[in-house]
Amino acid sequence: MSQESQSAFKVGGRIEDPYFIDRPDAQDVLLRDARALSQSHVVIAPRRFGKTALLQRVCTELSSEMLAAYVNCLPLHRPELFHDRIVEAVLDAFERRRGRTRRLLATWKDVLKRPVIGALERLEEVGGSLQSVGSVRLKFRTQEADADELLRAALDFPERFAEEQGESILLALDELQALTALGDGVFARFKSVMDTQRRVVYLFSGSSLALLSDVFAREGKSPLYQMVGRTFLGELERGLVSDFVKRRLQTVHRVAITEAALARFLDSVGGIPYYVQKLGLLLEHRLQLRGLETLEEADVDDAFGGLLDELDLDFQERWTTRFSDQQQAILLALAEGAATSSEIAERAATAPENLTYNLKKLLGTMVLRKDEGRYRVTDRVFAAWLARL
């Protein structure tokens, strides 16, 4: 059965055609600068706004032109994990572009499993940059090399390997904020290698505005200041989402959605990619169970209620573990209609100046955004859940 006949929408996993919703302007800039090796970029967006899908899309688009390696940084909380994943991602990209004739990825995985003596012998057979980076990894295993040497070897490897193979490399590092677990100096190490690399371009992403500001935006303080372009992802344009939803429903199920229902869909989840797919999938379940030929406003309302129910445990855990009492009071005030700092303070029964720290904190983690002096919850589905409390 073809992918088209299975589902109109997709939640989780790699989001590719026909499920990917284009961001033409951002994609064009990222692709152009990566091809030319002219500038690295950082993509900044809240959770569920499509950072990962965009990074993977760029890697897919470039995989026939250069070595495009995608790395999720979330699990890389120890230096050896970071080191091994960088090497593996580059070798995997090499095999996908060149084929498996040299089987370097299999060799690398074999080295990691062998005792030190056997691993050194295997590396000598391969030689070059893989022998060099593998030797440091083995020294780290025997405590002859420290974490700093290991991280440096990992960051040096892409450039050396690219030069050996006559290639250029895009290294896409998703959820960059997770690398703070590797120590305060990790981003300074990036600067030291980026200053000398000529064949490697980076595509970073993250969901902590405060951290990314510290790393990229503070003159004289940020280690990567003025070394990357910055791309902020907001919600997808309503027109793109509208066209996508109508096209997928019609293509897969030959089902229409009324303009009023589509407007309700867009008002409910906006252009947040994860929720667009999730609400679409719940609507798809509804039409399949009931044999509907047209989706109405009531169908969208019911599906959106189901979406909030399904996310209740996720949001409840986030609510109880991530927010202080005052932050909860701020969020509840916003859910009740407050927008300015004075309105929030009135509902929270405190002075506006007492809210400054926590408002700044919520802005830094992109839970809130501020436009022309008015605050709102960035994630509109989370905001709808708050309104139910």
Protein backbone atom coordinates (compact mmCIF):
# COMPACT_ATOMS: atom_id res chain seq x y z
CA MET A 1 0.00 0.00 0.00
CA SER A 2 1.43 3.38 -0.94
CA GLN A 3 2.18 6.07 1.62
CA GLU A 4 -0.41 8.28 -0.04
CA SER A 5 -3.18 5.73 0.55
CA GLN A 6 -2.25 5.17 4.19
CA SER A 7 -2.64 8.58 5.75
CA ALA A 8 -3.13 12.22 4.87
CA PHE A 9 -1.07 13.42 7.84
CA LYS A 10 1.96 12.24 9.82
CA VAL A 11 2.97 12.79 13.43
CA GLY A 12 6.47 11.93 14.65
CA GLY A 13 9.41 10.47 12.81
CA ARG A 14 11.02 12.10 9.84
CA ILE A 15 8.63 14.51 8.12
CA GLU A 16 9.25 14.33 4.38
CA ASP A 17 7.17 14.73 1.23
CA PRO A 18 4.22 14.62 0.96
CA TYR A 19 3.87 15.59 4.63
CA PHE A 20 6.41 18.40 4.81
CA ILE A 21 5.04 21.94 4.62
CA ASP A 22 7.56 24.18 2.88
CA ARG A 23 9.05 27.31 4.41
CA PRO A 24 10.28 28.70 1.08
CA ASP A 25 12.11 31.81 2.30
CA ALA A 26 14.01 30.10 5.13
CA GLN A 27 14.81 27.04 3.02
CA ASP A 28 16.18 29.11 0.14
CA VAL A 29 18.59 31.02 2.39
CA LEU A 30 19.81 27.94 4.24
CA LEU A 31 20.30 25.94 1.04
CA ARG A 32 22.09 28.73 -0.79
CA ASP A 33 24.55 29.48 2.02
CA ALA A 34 25.27 25.80 2.64
CA ARG A 35 25.96 25.12 -1.04
CA ALA A 36 28.35 28.06 -1.24
CA LEU A 37 29.90 27.34 2.19
CA SER A 38 29.40 31.07 2.68
CA GLN A 39 27.79 31.15 6.11
CA SER A 40 26.69 28.88 8.92
CA HIS A 41 23.23 29.44 10.43
CA VAL A 42 21.32 28.96 13.65
CA VAL A 43 17.58 28.25 13.46
CA ILE A 44 15.70 29.43 16.54
CA ALA A 45 12.16 28.38 17.37
CA PRO A 46 10.00 27.07 20.23
CA ARG A 47 9.17 23.40 20.66
CA ARG A 48 6.96 21.87 17.96
CA PHE A 49 7.54 24.69 15.46
CA GLY A 50 9.31 22.45 12.95
CA LYS A 51 13.03 23.01 13.54
CA THR A 52 13.92 19.35 13.20
CA ALA A 53 11.84 18.87 10.06
CA LEU A 54 13.47 21.93 8.47
CA LEU A 55 17.01 20.77 9.29
CA GLN A 56 16.30 17.31 7.94
CA ARG A 57 14.71 18.80 4.83
CA VAL A 58 17.82 20.87 4.13
CA CYS A 59 20.01 17.80 4.62
CA THR A 60 17.85 15.77 2.24
CA GLU A 61 17.95 18.51 -0.41
CA LEU A 62 21.75 18.70 -0.24
CA SER A 63 22.58 15.00 0.17
CA SER A 64 23.38 14.54 -3.52
CA GLU A 65 25.67 17.60 -3.60
CA MET A 66 27.67 17.37 -0.37
CA LEU A 67 27.95 15.30 2.79
CA ALA A 68 24.88 16.40 4.76
CA ALA A 69 25.04 15.03 8.30
CA TYR A 70 22.19 15.48 10.79
CA VAL A 71 22.84 15.09 14.55
CA ASN A 72 20.28 15.26 17.36
CA CYS A 73 22.19 16.68 20.34
CA LEU A 74 19.64 15.78 23.02
CA PRO A 75 21.23 12.40 23.96
CA LEU A 76 24.81 13.68 23.75
CA HIS A 77 25.38 14.52 27.40
CA ARG A 78 28.86 12.96 27.64
CA PRO A 79 31.91 13.85 25.51
CA GLU A 80 32.38 10.33 24.15
CA LEU A 81 28.74 10.25 23.00
CA PHE A 82 29.20 13.56 21.18
CA HIS A 83 32.48 12.41 19.64
CA ASP A 84 31.12 9.09 18.39
CA ARG A 85 27.93 10.58 16.99
CA ILE A 86 29.76 13.27 15.01
CA VAL A 87 32.06 10.71 13.42
CA GLU A 88 29.20 8.32 12.73
CA ALA A 89 27.02 11.03 11.17
CA VAL A 90 29.78 12.14 8.78
CA LEU A 91 30.57 8.56 7.74
CA ASP A 92 26.88 7.78 7.29
CA ALA A 93 26.49 10.83 5.02
CA PHE A 94 29.56 9.71 3.07
CA GLU A 95 28.12 6.24 2.49
CA ARG A 96 24.75 7.61 1.44
CA ARG A 97 26.45 9.86 -1.13
CA ARG A 98 29.23 7.56 -2.34
CA GLY A 99 27.85 4.09 -1.63
CA ARG A 100 29.22 1.48 0.76
CA THR A 101 32.31 0.49 -1.22
CA ARG A 102 34.75 1.38 1.54
CA ARG A 103 32.42 0.52 4.44
CA LEU A 104 33.99 3.16 6.69
CA LEU A 105 30.93 3.36 8.93
CA ALA A 106 31.01 -0.38 9.60
CA THR A 107 34.75 -0.12 10.29
CA TRP A 108 34.18 2.68 12.79
CA LYS A 109 31.49 0.73 14.63
CA ASP A 110 33.78 -2.29 14.68
CA VAL A 111 36.59 -0.20 16.20
CA LEU A 112 34.34 0.94 19.05
CA LYS A 113 33.55 -2.68 19.96
CA ARG A 114 37.09 -4.07 19.89
CA PRO A 115 39.68 -4.19 22.70
CA VAL A 116 42.21 -1.38 22.43
CA ILE A 117 44.99 -3.38 20.75
CA GLY A 118 42.68 -4.87 18.15
CA ALA A 119 41.05 -1.49 17.56
CA LEU A 120 44.41 0.19 16.95
CA GLU A 121 45.32 -2.47 14.40
CA ARG A 122 42.01 -1.96 12.61
CA LEU A 123 42.55 1.80 12.51
CA GLU A 124 46.03 1.36 11.04
CA GLU A 125 44.46 -0.54 8.16
CA VAL A 126 42.22 2.44 7.40
CA GLY A 127 44.65 5.29 8.06
CA GLY A 128 43.95 8.98 7.48
CA SER A 129 41.55 11.11 9.47
CA LEU A 130 39.59 8.10 10.72
CA GLN A 131 42.74 6.65 12.26
CA SER A 132 43.53 9.99 13.86
CA VAL A 133 40.12 10.56 15.40
CA GLY A 134 39.83 6.91 16.43
CA SER A 135 43.21 6.99 18.16
CA VAL A 136 42.10 9.89 20.35
CA ARG A 137 38.91 8.00 21.15
CA LEU A 138 40.95 4.98 22.29
CA LYS A 139 43.24 7.19 24.37
CA PHE A 140 40.16 8.59 26.07
CA ARG A 141 39.09 5.03 26.85
CA THR A 142 42.44 4.39 28.57
CA GLN A 143 42.43 7.88 30.19
CA GLU A 144 45.43 9.04 28.16
CA ALA A 145 43.28 11.81 26.65
CA ASP A 146 40.83 14.10 28.46
CA ALA A 147 37.38 15.33 27.48
CA ASP A 148 38.76 18.50 25.90
CA GLU A 149 41.03 16.53 23.56
CA LEU A 150 38.13 14.24 22.65
CA LEU A 151 35.79 17.11 21.79
CA ARG A 152 38.49 18.83 19.79
CA ALA A 153 39.16 15.64 17.81
CA ALA A 154 35.45 15.28 17.03
CA LEU A 155 35.17 18.85 15.77
CA ASP A 156 38.39 18.59 13.75
CA PHE A 157 37.30 15.39 12.03
CA PRO A 158 34.72 16.75 9.52
CA GLU A 159 37.18 19.19 7.94
CA ARG A 160 40.00 16.64 7.72
CA PHE A 161 37.70 13.97 6.29
CA ALA A 162 36.20 16.40 3.77
CA GLU A 163 39.65 17.39 2.55
CA GLU A 164 40.70 13.75 2.14
CA GLN A 165 37.58 12.91 0.15
CA GLY A 166 37.41 16.11 -1.88
CA GLU A 167 33.99 16.87 -0.38
CA SER A 168 32.23 19.64 1.50
CA ILE A 169 30.15 18.97 4.59
CA LEU A 170 26.98 20.37 6.11
CA LEU A 171 26.86 19.47 9.80
CA ALA A 172 23.33 20.04 11.16
CA LEU A 173 23.27 20.04 14.96
CA ASP A 174 19.71 20.00 16.31
CA GLU A 175 18.77 21.09 19.87
CA LEU A 176 22.13 22.72 20.43
CA GLN A 177 21.27 23.77 23.99
CA ALA A 178 21.71 20.13 25.09
CA LEU A 179 25.46 20.48 24.59
CA THR A 180 25.74 22.66 27.70
CA ALA A 181 26.04 19.33 29.52
CA LEU A 182 29.52 19.04 28.00
CA GLY A 183 30.79 22.06 29.94
CA ASP A 184 31.01 25.83 29.72
CA GLY A 185 33.76 25.82 27.11
CA VAL A 186 32.06 23.67 24.51
CA PHE A 187 30.95 26.58 22.31
CA ALA A 188 34.37 28.22 22.48
CA ARG A 189 35.73 24.96 21.01
CA PHE A 190 33.33 25.39 18.10
CA LYS A 191 34.75 28.85 17.46
CA SER A 192 38.31 27.60 17.45
CA VAL A 193 37.59 25.06 14.72
CA MET A 194 35.14 27.19 12.72
CA ASP A 195 37.81 29.89 12.41
CA THR A 196 39.99 27.52 10.36
CA GLN A 197 37.54 25.22 8.56
CA ARG A 198 37.01 25.80 4.84
CA ARG A 199 35.02 22.76 3.77
CA VAL A 200 32.47 22.56 6.63
CA VAL A 201 29.37 24.66 7.16
CA TYR A 202 27.11 24.35 10.21
CA LEU A 203 23.36 24.48 10.68
CA PHE A 204 22.51 24.79 14.37
CA SER A 205 19.07 24.82 15.96
CA GLY A 206 17.75 25.38 19.44
CA SER A 207 14.69 26.18 21.50
CA SER A 208 16.26 28.25 24.29
CA LEU A 209 16.36 31.88 23.25
CA ALA A 210 18.36 32.85 26.33
CA LEU A 211 21.10 30.30 25.70
CA LEU A 212 21.27 30.99 22.00
CA SER A 213 21.56 34.69 22.75
CA ASP A 214 24.49 33.92 25.05
CA VAL A 215 26.17 31.79 22.39
CA PHE A 216 25.53 33.87 19.27
CA ALA A 217 24.27 37.38 19.98
CA ARG A 218 26.27 39.17 22.69
CA GLU A 219 29.10 41.30 21.39
CA GLY A 220 32.32 40.64 23.26
CA LYS A 221 30.77 37.79 25.27
CA SER A 222 29.25 35.24 22.90
CA PRO A 223 31.81 32.73 21.57
CA LEU A 224 30.09 32.53 18.17
CA TYR A 225 29.15 36.20 17.85
CA GLN A 226 28.74 37.23 14.18
CA MET A 227 29.85 33.79 13.01
CA VAL A 228 26.41 32.58 11.92
CA GLY A 229 23.25 33.89 10.34
CA ARG A 230 20.12 33.74 12.47
CA THR A 231 16.78 32.38 11.30
CA PHE A 232 13.75 32.71 13.57
CA LEU A 233 10.88 30.34 12.80
CA GLY A 234 7.42 31.56 13.61
CA GLU A 235 4.19 29.85 12.75
CA LEU A 236 3.72 28.75 9.15
CA GLU A 237 1.74 31.15 6.98
CA ARG A 238 -1.99 30.50 7.14
CA GLY A 239 -2.23 30.23 3.38
CA LEU A 240 0.40 27.48 3.27
CA VAL A 241 -1.35 25.54 6.04
CA SER A 242 -4.76 25.99 4.43
CA ASP A 243 -3.53 24.74 1.06
CA PHE A 244 -1.75 21.79 2.69
CA VAL A 245 -4.77 20.63 4.70
CA LYS A 246 -7.18 20.88 1.76
CA ARG A 247 -4.74 19.17 -0.60
CA ARG A 248 -4.01 16.26 1.73
CA LEU A 249 -7.67 15.59 2.51
CA GLN A 250 -8.61 15.75 -1.15
CA THR A 251 -5.65 13.72 -2.43
CA VAL A 252 -5.88 10.87 0.05
CA HIS A 253 -9.58 10.69 0.92
CA ARG A 254 -11.42 12.78 -1.69
CA VAL A 255 -12.92 14.69 1.25
CA ALA A 256 -13.63 18.43 1.34
CA ILE A 257 -13.42 20.76 4.31
CA THR A 258 -15.70 23.79 4.46
CA GLU A 259 -14.16 27.27 4.60
CA ALA A 260 -15.66 27.80 8.06
CA ALA A 261 -14.17 24.51 9.28
CA LEU A 262 -10.80 25.38 7.78
CA ALA A 263 -10.87 28.76 9.50
CA ARG A 264 -11.66 27.00 12.79
CA PHE A 265 -8.74 24.62 12.16
CA LEU A 266 -6.36 27.52 11.62
CA ASP A 267 -7.64 29.42 14.65
CA SER A 268 -7.17 26.32 16.81
CA VAL A 269 -3.61 25.30 15.91
CA GLY A 270 -2.41 28.12 13.70
CA GLY A 271 0.74 27.36 11.78
CA ILE A 272 2.53 25.23 14.37
CA PRO A 273 3.61 22.22 12.27
CA TYR A 274 3.28 19.50 14.92
CA TYR A 275 -0.27 20.51 15.79
CA VAL A 276 -1.27 20.91 12.15
CA GLN A 277 -0.31 17.28 11.56
CA LYS A 278 -1.85 16.09 14.84
CA LEU A 279 -5.20 17.82 14.40
CA GLY A 280 -5.28 16.69 10.78
CA LEU A 281 -4.69 13.11 11.86
CA LEU A 282 -7.50 13.27 14.43
CA LEU A 283 -9.85 14.67 11.79
CA GLU A 284 -8.78 11.88 9.48
CA HIS A 285 -9.70 9.29 12.12
CA ARG A 286 -13.08 10.96 12.52
CA LEU A 287 -13.93 10.95 8.83
CA GLN A 288 -12.85 7.33 8.43
CA LEU A 289 -14.95 6.17 11.39
CA ARG A 290 -18.05 8.09 10.32
CA GLY A 291 -17.74 7.91 6.56
CA LEU A 292 -17.88 11.68 6.18
CA GLU A 293 -17.67 13.37 2.78
CA THR A 294 -17.26 16.90 4.12
CA LEU A 295 -15.66 18.17 7.32
CA GLU A 296 -17.61 20.83 9.22
CA GLU A 297 -16.80 23.19 12.11
CA ALA A 298 -18.24 20.73 14.64
CA ASP A 299 -15.83 18.07 13.40
CA VAL A 300 -12.87 20.39 13.96
CA ASP A 301 -14.12 21.36 17.42
CA ASP A 302 -14.51 17.73 18.45
CA ALA A 303 -11.09 16.80 17.07
CA PHE A 304 -9.45 19.77 18.81
CA GLY A 305 -11.06 18.74 22.10
CA GLY A 306 -9.60 15.29 21.54
CA LEU A 307 -6.21 16.86 20.88
CA LEU A 308 -6.31 18.69 24.23
CA ASP A 309 -7.37 15.50 26.00
CA GLU A 310 -4.54 13.56 24.39
CA LEU A 311 -1.95 16.16 25.36
CA ASP A 312 -3.29 16.59 28.89
CA LEU A 313 -0.67 14.43 30.61
CA ASP A 314 2.16 16.04 28.64
CA PHE A 315 0.99 19.54 29.46
CA GLN A 316 0.25 18.63 33.10
CA GLU A 317 3.78 17.30 33.58
CA ARG A 318 5.20 20.43 32.01
CA TRP A 319 2.97 22.63 34.16
CA THR A 320 3.96 21.04 37.46
CA THR A 321 7.69 20.56 36.82
CA ARG A 322 8.84 23.47 34.67
CA PHE A 323 7.08 26.52 36.09
CA SER A 324 7.41 28.27 39.44
CA ASP A 325 4.32 29.45 41.33
CA GLN A 326 4.70 32.97 39.98
CA GLN A 327 5.25 31.73 36.44
CA GLN A 328 2.07 29.68 36.76
CA ALA A 329 0.24 32.79 37.94
CA ILE A 330 1.52 34.71 34.91
CA LEU A 331 0.41 32.01 32.50
CA LEU A 332 -3.04 31.73 34.09
CA ALA A 333 -3.45 35.50 33.89
CA LEU A 334 -2.66 35.39 30.19
CA ALA A 335 -5.10 32.52 29.70
CA GLU A 336 -7.79 34.66 31.35
CA GLY A 337 -7.24 37.52 28.92
CA ALA A 338 -4.48 39.65 30.44
CA ALA A 339 -1.89 40.94 27.98
CA THR A 340 0.14 43.82 29.43
CA SER A 341 2.43 43.59 32.44
CA SER A 342 0.04 45.73 34.51
CA GLU A 343 -2.92 43.51 33.60
CA ILE A 344 -0.93 40.39 34.48
CA ALA A 345 0.17 41.94 37.77
CA GLU A 346 -3.40 42.86 38.68
CA ARG A 347 -4.65 39.32 38.10
CA ALA A 348 -1.61 37.85 39.90
CA ALA A 349 -2.18 40.27 42.82
CA THR A 350 1.35 41.66 42.78
CA ALA A 351 3.25 44.74 41.63
CA PRO A 352 4.41 44.79 37.98
CA GLU A 353 8.06 45.15 39.00
CA ASN A 354 7.81 41.89 40.94
CA LEU A 355 7.07 40.04 37.69
CA THR A 356 10.09 41.27 35.75
CA TYR A 357 12.38 38.31 36.43
CA ASN A 358 9.83 35.62 35.61
CA LEU A 359 8.50 37.40 32.53
CA LYS A 360 12.07 37.59 31.25
CA LYS A 361 12.59 33.92 32.10
CA LEU A 362 9.46 32.86 30.21
CA LEU A 363 10.48 34.97 27.23
CA GLY A 364 13.96 33.43 27.28
CA THR A 365 12.57 29.91 27.11
CA MET A 366 10.14 31.02 24.38
CA VAL A 367 7.10 30.05 26.45
CA LEU A 368 5.99 33.65 25.95
CA ARG A 369 6.46 36.17 23.20
CA LYS A 370 6.01 39.92 23.37
CA ASP A 371 4.68 42.15 20.61
CA GLU A 372 4.28 45.91 21.09
CA GLY A 373 4.18 45.62 24.86
CA ARG A 374 1.65 42.79 24.92
CA TYR A 375 2.48 39.27 26.03
CA ARG A 376 1.00 36.03 24.80
CA VAL A 377 1.68 32.32 25.20
CA THR A 378 3.72 31.22 22.20
CA ASP A 379 2.15 27.77 21.94
CA ARG A 380 -1.52 28.46 21.22
CA VAL A 381 -2.55 24.87 21.98
CA PHE A 382 -0.88 25.06 25.38
CA ALA A 383 -2.72 28.35 25.87
CA ALA A 384 -6.03 26.62 25.08
CA TRP A 385 -5.18 23.93 27.62
CA LEU A 386 -4.42 26.59 30.24
CA ALA A 387 -7.83 28.11 29.61
CA ARG A 388 -9.39 24.82 30.69
CA LEU A 389 -7.72 24.86 34.13
